[in-house]
Amino acid sequence: MEQQEASEDAVMTRIGQAVMLLHGGDREEARNRFGLLWAELGADGDALHRCTLAHYMADTQDDPGDELAWDLRALTAAEGLSDER
């Protein structure tokens, strides 16, 4: 269980690093990192990770329709959250 928790913390760390890039003004690099991480997580990835990542990925989009699509992914992932996670 500890190894899984450490792995999950590593994912949140990577999300946080991309968020720092985003807030620092490097939207393109943040978008690239979020995209790679999204592909790694996959559809069955941890719901909290997918929700968090999709929420921030929405903020990197230039097109409002793309931003909405990512926000909807975040909401869909949030529906998969439980009390434990």
N, C-alpha and C. Protein backbone atom coordinates (compact mmCIF):
# COMPACT_ATOMS: atom_id res chain seq x y z
N MET A 1 0.82 -1.19 0.00
CA MET A 1 0.00 0.00 0.00
C MET A 1 0.87 1.26 0.00
N GLU A 2 1.97 1.26 0.75
CA GLU A 2 2.84 2.43 0.80
C GLU A 2 3.41 2.76 -0.57
N GLN A 3 3.78 1.72 -1.33
CA GLN A 3 4.33 1.95 -2.67
C GLN A 3 3.28 2.61 -3.57
N GLN A 4 2.04 2.15 -3.46
CA GLN A 4 0.97 2.75 -4.26
C GLN A 4 0.77 4.21 -3.86
N GLU A 5 0.79 4.51 -2.55
CA GLU A 5 0.63 5.88 -2.09
C GLU A 5 1.77 6.76 -2.58
N ALA A 6 2.99 6.25 -2.54
CA ALA A 6 4.14 7.01 -3.02
C ALA A 6 4.00 7.28 -4.51
N SER A 7 3.53 6.28 -5.25
CA SER A 7 3.32 6.44 -6.69
C SER A 7 2.26 7.50 -6.96
N GLU A 8 1.17 7.47 -6.19
CA GLU A 8 0.11 8.45 -6.36
C GLU A 8 0.62 9.85 -6.02
N ASP A 9 1.44 9.96 -4.99
CA ASP A 9 2.02 11.25 -4.63
C ASP A 9 2.89 11.76 -5.77
N ALA A 10 3.58 10.85 -6.44
CA ALA A 10 4.43 11.24 -7.57
C ALA A 10 3.59 11.83 -8.70
N VAL A 11 2.41 11.26 -8.92
CA VAL A 11 1.52 11.79 -9.96
C VAL A 11 1.07 13.20 -9.58
N MET A 12 0.67 13.39 -8.33
CA MET A 12 0.24 14.72 -7.90
C MET A 12 1.40 15.72 -7.96
N THR A 13 2.61 15.25 -7.68
CA THR A 13 3.78 16.12 -7.80
C THR A 13 3.95 16.57 -9.24
N ARG A 14 3.81 15.64 -10.17
CA ARG A 14 3.95 15.98 -11.59
C ARG A 14 2.85 16.93 -12.04
N ILE A 15 1.64 16.72 -11.55
CA ILE A 15 0.55 17.65 -11.87
C ILE A 15 0.90 19.03 -11.31
N GLY A 16 1.39 19.07 -10.08
CA GLY A 16 1.76 20.33 -9.46
C GLY A 16 2.86 21.06 -10.21
N GLN A 17 3.82 20.31 -10.72
CA GLN A 17 4.90 20.92 -11.50
C GLN A 17 4.36 21.57 -12.77
N ALA A 18 3.43 20.89 -13.42
CA ALA A 18 2.83 21.45 -14.64
C ALA A 18 1.98 22.67 -14.30
N VAL A 19 1.30 22.64 -13.16
CA VAL A 19 0.51 23.79 -12.72
C VAL A 19 1.43 24.99 -12.49
N MET A 20 2.60 24.75 -11.92
CA MET A 20 3.56 25.83 -11.71
C MET A 20 3.99 26.44 -13.04
N LEU A 21 4.20 25.60 -14.04
CA LEU A 21 4.52 26.11 -15.38
C LEU A 21 3.38 26.97 -15.92
N LEU A 22 2.17 26.47 -15.75
CA LEU A 22 0.99 27.19 -16.22
C LEU A 22 0.90 28.56 -15.56
N HIS A 23 1.02 28.58 -14.25
CA HIS A 23 0.92 29.85 -13.52
C HIS A 23 2.11 30.76 -13.79
N GLY A 24 3.22 30.17 -14.22
CA GLY A 24 4.39 30.96 -14.59
C GLY A 24 4.32 31.50 -16.01
N GLY A 25 3.26 31.15 -16.74
CA GLY A 25 3.06 31.68 -18.07
C GLY A 25 3.43 30.76 -19.22
N ASP A 26 3.91 29.55 -18.91
CA ASP A 26 4.30 28.62 -19.98
C ASP A 26 3.15 27.64 -20.24
N ARG A 27 2.09 28.16 -20.84
CA ARG A 27 0.89 27.35 -21.08
C ARG A 27 1.17 26.17 -22.00
N GLU A 28 1.99 26.39 -23.02
CA GLU A 28 2.26 25.32 -23.99
C GLU A 28 2.97 24.14 -23.33
N GLU A 29 3.99 24.40 -22.54
CA GLU A 29 4.70 23.31 -21.87
C GLU A 29 3.80 22.63 -20.85
N ALA A 30 3.01 23.42 -20.13
CA ALA A 30 2.06 22.83 -19.18
C ALA A 30 1.09 21.92 -19.91
N ARG A 31 0.56 22.40 -21.03
CA ARG A 31 -0.39 21.60 -21.83
C ARG A 31 0.27 20.31 -22.31
N ASN A 32 1.51 20.39 -22.75
CA ASN A 32 2.23 19.19 -23.19
C ASN A 32 2.39 18.19 -22.06
N ARG A 33 2.79 18.68 -20.89
CA ARG A 33 2.97 17.77 -19.75
C ARG A 33 1.66 17.17 -19.28
N PHE A 34 0.62 17.99 -19.23
CA PHE A 34 -0.70 17.46 -18.86
C PHE A 34 -1.14 16.39 -19.86
N GLY A 35 -0.90 16.63 -21.13
CA GLY A 35 -1.29 15.67 -22.16
C GLY A 35 -0.58 14.33 -22.01
N LEU A 36 0.72 14.39 -21.74
CA LEU A 36 1.48 13.15 -21.53
C LEU A 36 0.98 12.41 -20.30
N LEU A 37 0.74 13.15 -19.24
CA LEU A 37 0.28 12.52 -18.01
C LEU A 37 -1.12 11.95 -18.18
N TRP A 38 -1.97 12.64 -18.92
CA TRP A 38 -3.32 12.15 -19.18
C TRP A 38 -3.26 10.81 -19.92
N ALA A 39 -2.38 10.71 -20.89
CA ALA A 39 -2.22 9.46 -21.64
C ALA A 39 -1.72 8.34 -20.73
N GLU A 40 -0.83 8.66 -19.80
CA GLU A 40 -0.33 7.66 -18.86
C GLU A 40 -1.42 7.19 -17.91
N LEU A 41 -2.25 8.11 -17.43
CA LEU A 41 -3.29 7.74 -16.48
C LEU A 41 -4.34 6.85 -17.12
N GLY A 42 -4.74 7.18 -18.32
CA GLY A 42 -5.75 6.39 -19.01
C GLY A 42 -7.13 6.55 -18.39
N ALA A 43 -8.09 5.94 -19.02
CA ALA A 43 -9.49 6.04 -18.59
C ALA A 43 -9.73 5.41 -17.23
N ASP A 44 -8.88 4.46 -16.84
CA ASP A 44 -9.07 3.77 -15.57
C ASP A 44 -8.16 4.31 -14.47
N GLY A 45 -7.51 5.45 -14.74
CA GLY A 45 -6.62 6.03 -13.74
C GLY A 45 -7.39 6.54 -12.53
N ASP A 46 -6.66 6.87 -11.50
CA ASP A 46 -7.23 7.38 -10.26
C ASP A 46 -8.13 8.58 -10.55
N ALA A 47 -9.35 8.56 -10.03
CA ALA A 47 -10.32 9.60 -10.32
C ALA A 47 -9.86 10.98 -9.84
N LEU A 48 -9.20 11.04 -8.69
CA LEU A 48 -8.71 12.32 -8.18
C LEU A 48 -7.65 12.90 -9.11
N HIS A 49 -6.76 12.04 -9.58
CA HIS A 49 -5.73 12.50 -10.52
C HIS A 49 -6.36 13.00 -11.82
N ARG A 50 -7.30 12.23 -12.36
CA ARG A 50 -7.94 12.62 -13.61
C ARG A 50 -8.73 13.91 -13.46
N CYS A 51 -9.43 14.06 -12.34
CA CYS A 51 -10.21 15.27 -12.09
C CYS A 51 -9.29 16.48 -11.98
N THR A 52 -8.25 16.37 -11.19
CA THR A 52 -7.31 17.48 -11.00
C THR A 52 -6.63 17.86 -12.30
N LEU A 53 -6.14 16.85 -13.00
CA LEU A 53 -5.42 17.10 -14.24
C LEU A 53 -6.34 17.74 -15.29
N ALA A 54 -7.54 17.21 -15.45
CA ALA A 54 -8.46 17.74 -16.46
C ALA A 54 -8.86 19.18 -16.12
N HIS A 55 -9.03 19.46 -14.84
CA HIS A 55 -9.38 20.82 -14.41
C HIS A 55 -8.30 21.81 -14.86
N TYR A 56 -7.05 21.47 -14.60
CA TYR A 56 -5.97 22.37 -14.98
C TYR A 56 -5.70 22.35 -16.49
N MET A 57 -5.89 21.21 -17.12
CA MET A 57 -5.72 21.14 -18.57
C MET A 57 -6.70 22.09 -19.25
N ALA A 58 -7.90 22.22 -18.71
CA ALA A 58 -8.87 23.15 -19.28
C ALA A 58 -8.31 24.57 -19.33
N ASP A 59 -7.56 24.93 -18.31
CA ASP A 59 -7.00 26.29 -18.23
C ASP A 59 -5.91 26.54 -19.26
N THR A 60 -5.40 25.49 -19.89
CA THR A 60 -4.33 25.67 -20.89
C THR A 60 -4.88 25.80 -22.30
N GLN A 61 -6.18 25.65 -22.46
CA GLN A 61 -6.76 25.62 -23.80
C GLN A 61 -6.98 27.02 -24.36
N ASP A 62 -6.77 27.16 -25.66
CA ASP A 62 -7.00 28.42 -26.35
C ASP A 62 -8.45 28.55 -26.82
N ASP A 63 -9.04 27.42 -27.17
CA ASP A 63 -10.40 27.40 -27.70
C ASP A 63 -11.40 27.15 -26.57
N PRO A 64 -12.44 27.98 -26.43
CA PRO A 64 -13.43 27.77 -25.36
C PRO A 64 -14.11 26.40 -25.42
N GLY A 65 -14.32 25.88 -26.61
CA GLY A 65 -14.92 24.55 -26.73
C GLY A 65 -14.03 23.47 -26.17
N ASP A 66 -12.72 23.59 -26.43
CA ASP A 66 -11.76 22.63 -25.87
C ASP A 66 -11.69 22.77 -24.35
N GLU A 67 -11.74 24.01 -23.89
CA GLU A 67 -11.72 24.24 -22.44
C GLU A 67 -12.92 23.58 -21.78
N LEU A 68 -14.09 23.75 -22.38
CA LEU A 68 -15.30 23.14 -21.85
C LEU A 68 -15.19 21.62 -21.85
N ALA A 69 -14.64 21.05 -22.91
CA ALA A 69 -14.50 19.59 -22.99
C ALA A 69 -13.64 19.07 -21.84
N TRP A 70 -12.55 19.78 -21.52
CA TRP A 70 -11.70 19.36 -20.41
C TRP A 70 -12.40 19.55 -19.07
N ASP A 71 -13.16 20.64 -18.92
CA ASP A 71 -13.92 20.83 -17.68
C ASP A 71 -14.94 19.71 -17.50
N LEU A 72 -15.55 19.27 -18.59
CA LEU A 72 -16.51 18.17 -18.50
C LEU A 72 -15.81 16.86 -18.14
N ARG A 73 -14.60 16.66 -18.64
CA ARG A 73 -13.82 15.48 -18.23
C ARG A 73 -13.54 15.53 -16.73
N ALA A 74 -13.22 16.72 -16.23
CA ALA A 74 -12.97 16.86 -14.80
C ALA A 74 -14.21 16.51 -13.99
N LEU A 75 -15.36 16.98 -14.43
CA LEU A 75 -16.60 16.67 -13.73
C LEU A 75 -16.93 15.18 -13.79
N THR A 76 -16.70 14.57 -14.93
CA THR A 76 -16.94 13.13 -15.06
C THR A 76 -16.04 12.36 -14.11
N ALA A 77 -14.77 12.75 -14.04
CA ALA A 77 -13.84 12.09 -13.13
C ALA A 77 -14.27 12.31 -11.68
N ALA A 78 -14.77 13.50 -11.36
CA ALA A 78 -15.20 13.80 -9.99
C ALA A 78 -16.35 12.88 -9.56
N GLU A 79 -17.17 12.50 -10.51
CA GLU A 79 -18.27 11.58 -10.19
C GLU A 79 -17.75 10.22 -9.73
N GLY A 80 -16.52 9.89 -10.08
CA GLY A 80 -15.93 8.61 -9.69
C GLY A 80 -15.22 8.64 -8.35
N LEU A 81 -15.21 9.80 -7.70
CA LEU A 81 -14.55 9.90 -6.40
C LEU A 81 -15.40 9.26 -5.32
N SER A 82 -14.72 8.72 -4.33
CA SER A 82 -15.40 8.11 -3.19
C SER A 82 -14.93 8.80 -1.92
N ASP A 83 -15.48 8.39 -0.78
CA ASP A 83 -15.04 8.97 0.49
C ASP A 83 -13.58 8.67 0.77
N GLU A 84 -13.10 7.51 0.28
CA GLU A 84 -11.71 7.14 0.49
C GLU A 84 -10.78 7.94 -0.39
N ARG A 85 -11.27 8.37 -1.51
CA ARG A 85 -10.42 9.10 -2.46
C ARG A 85 -11.25 10.16 -3.12
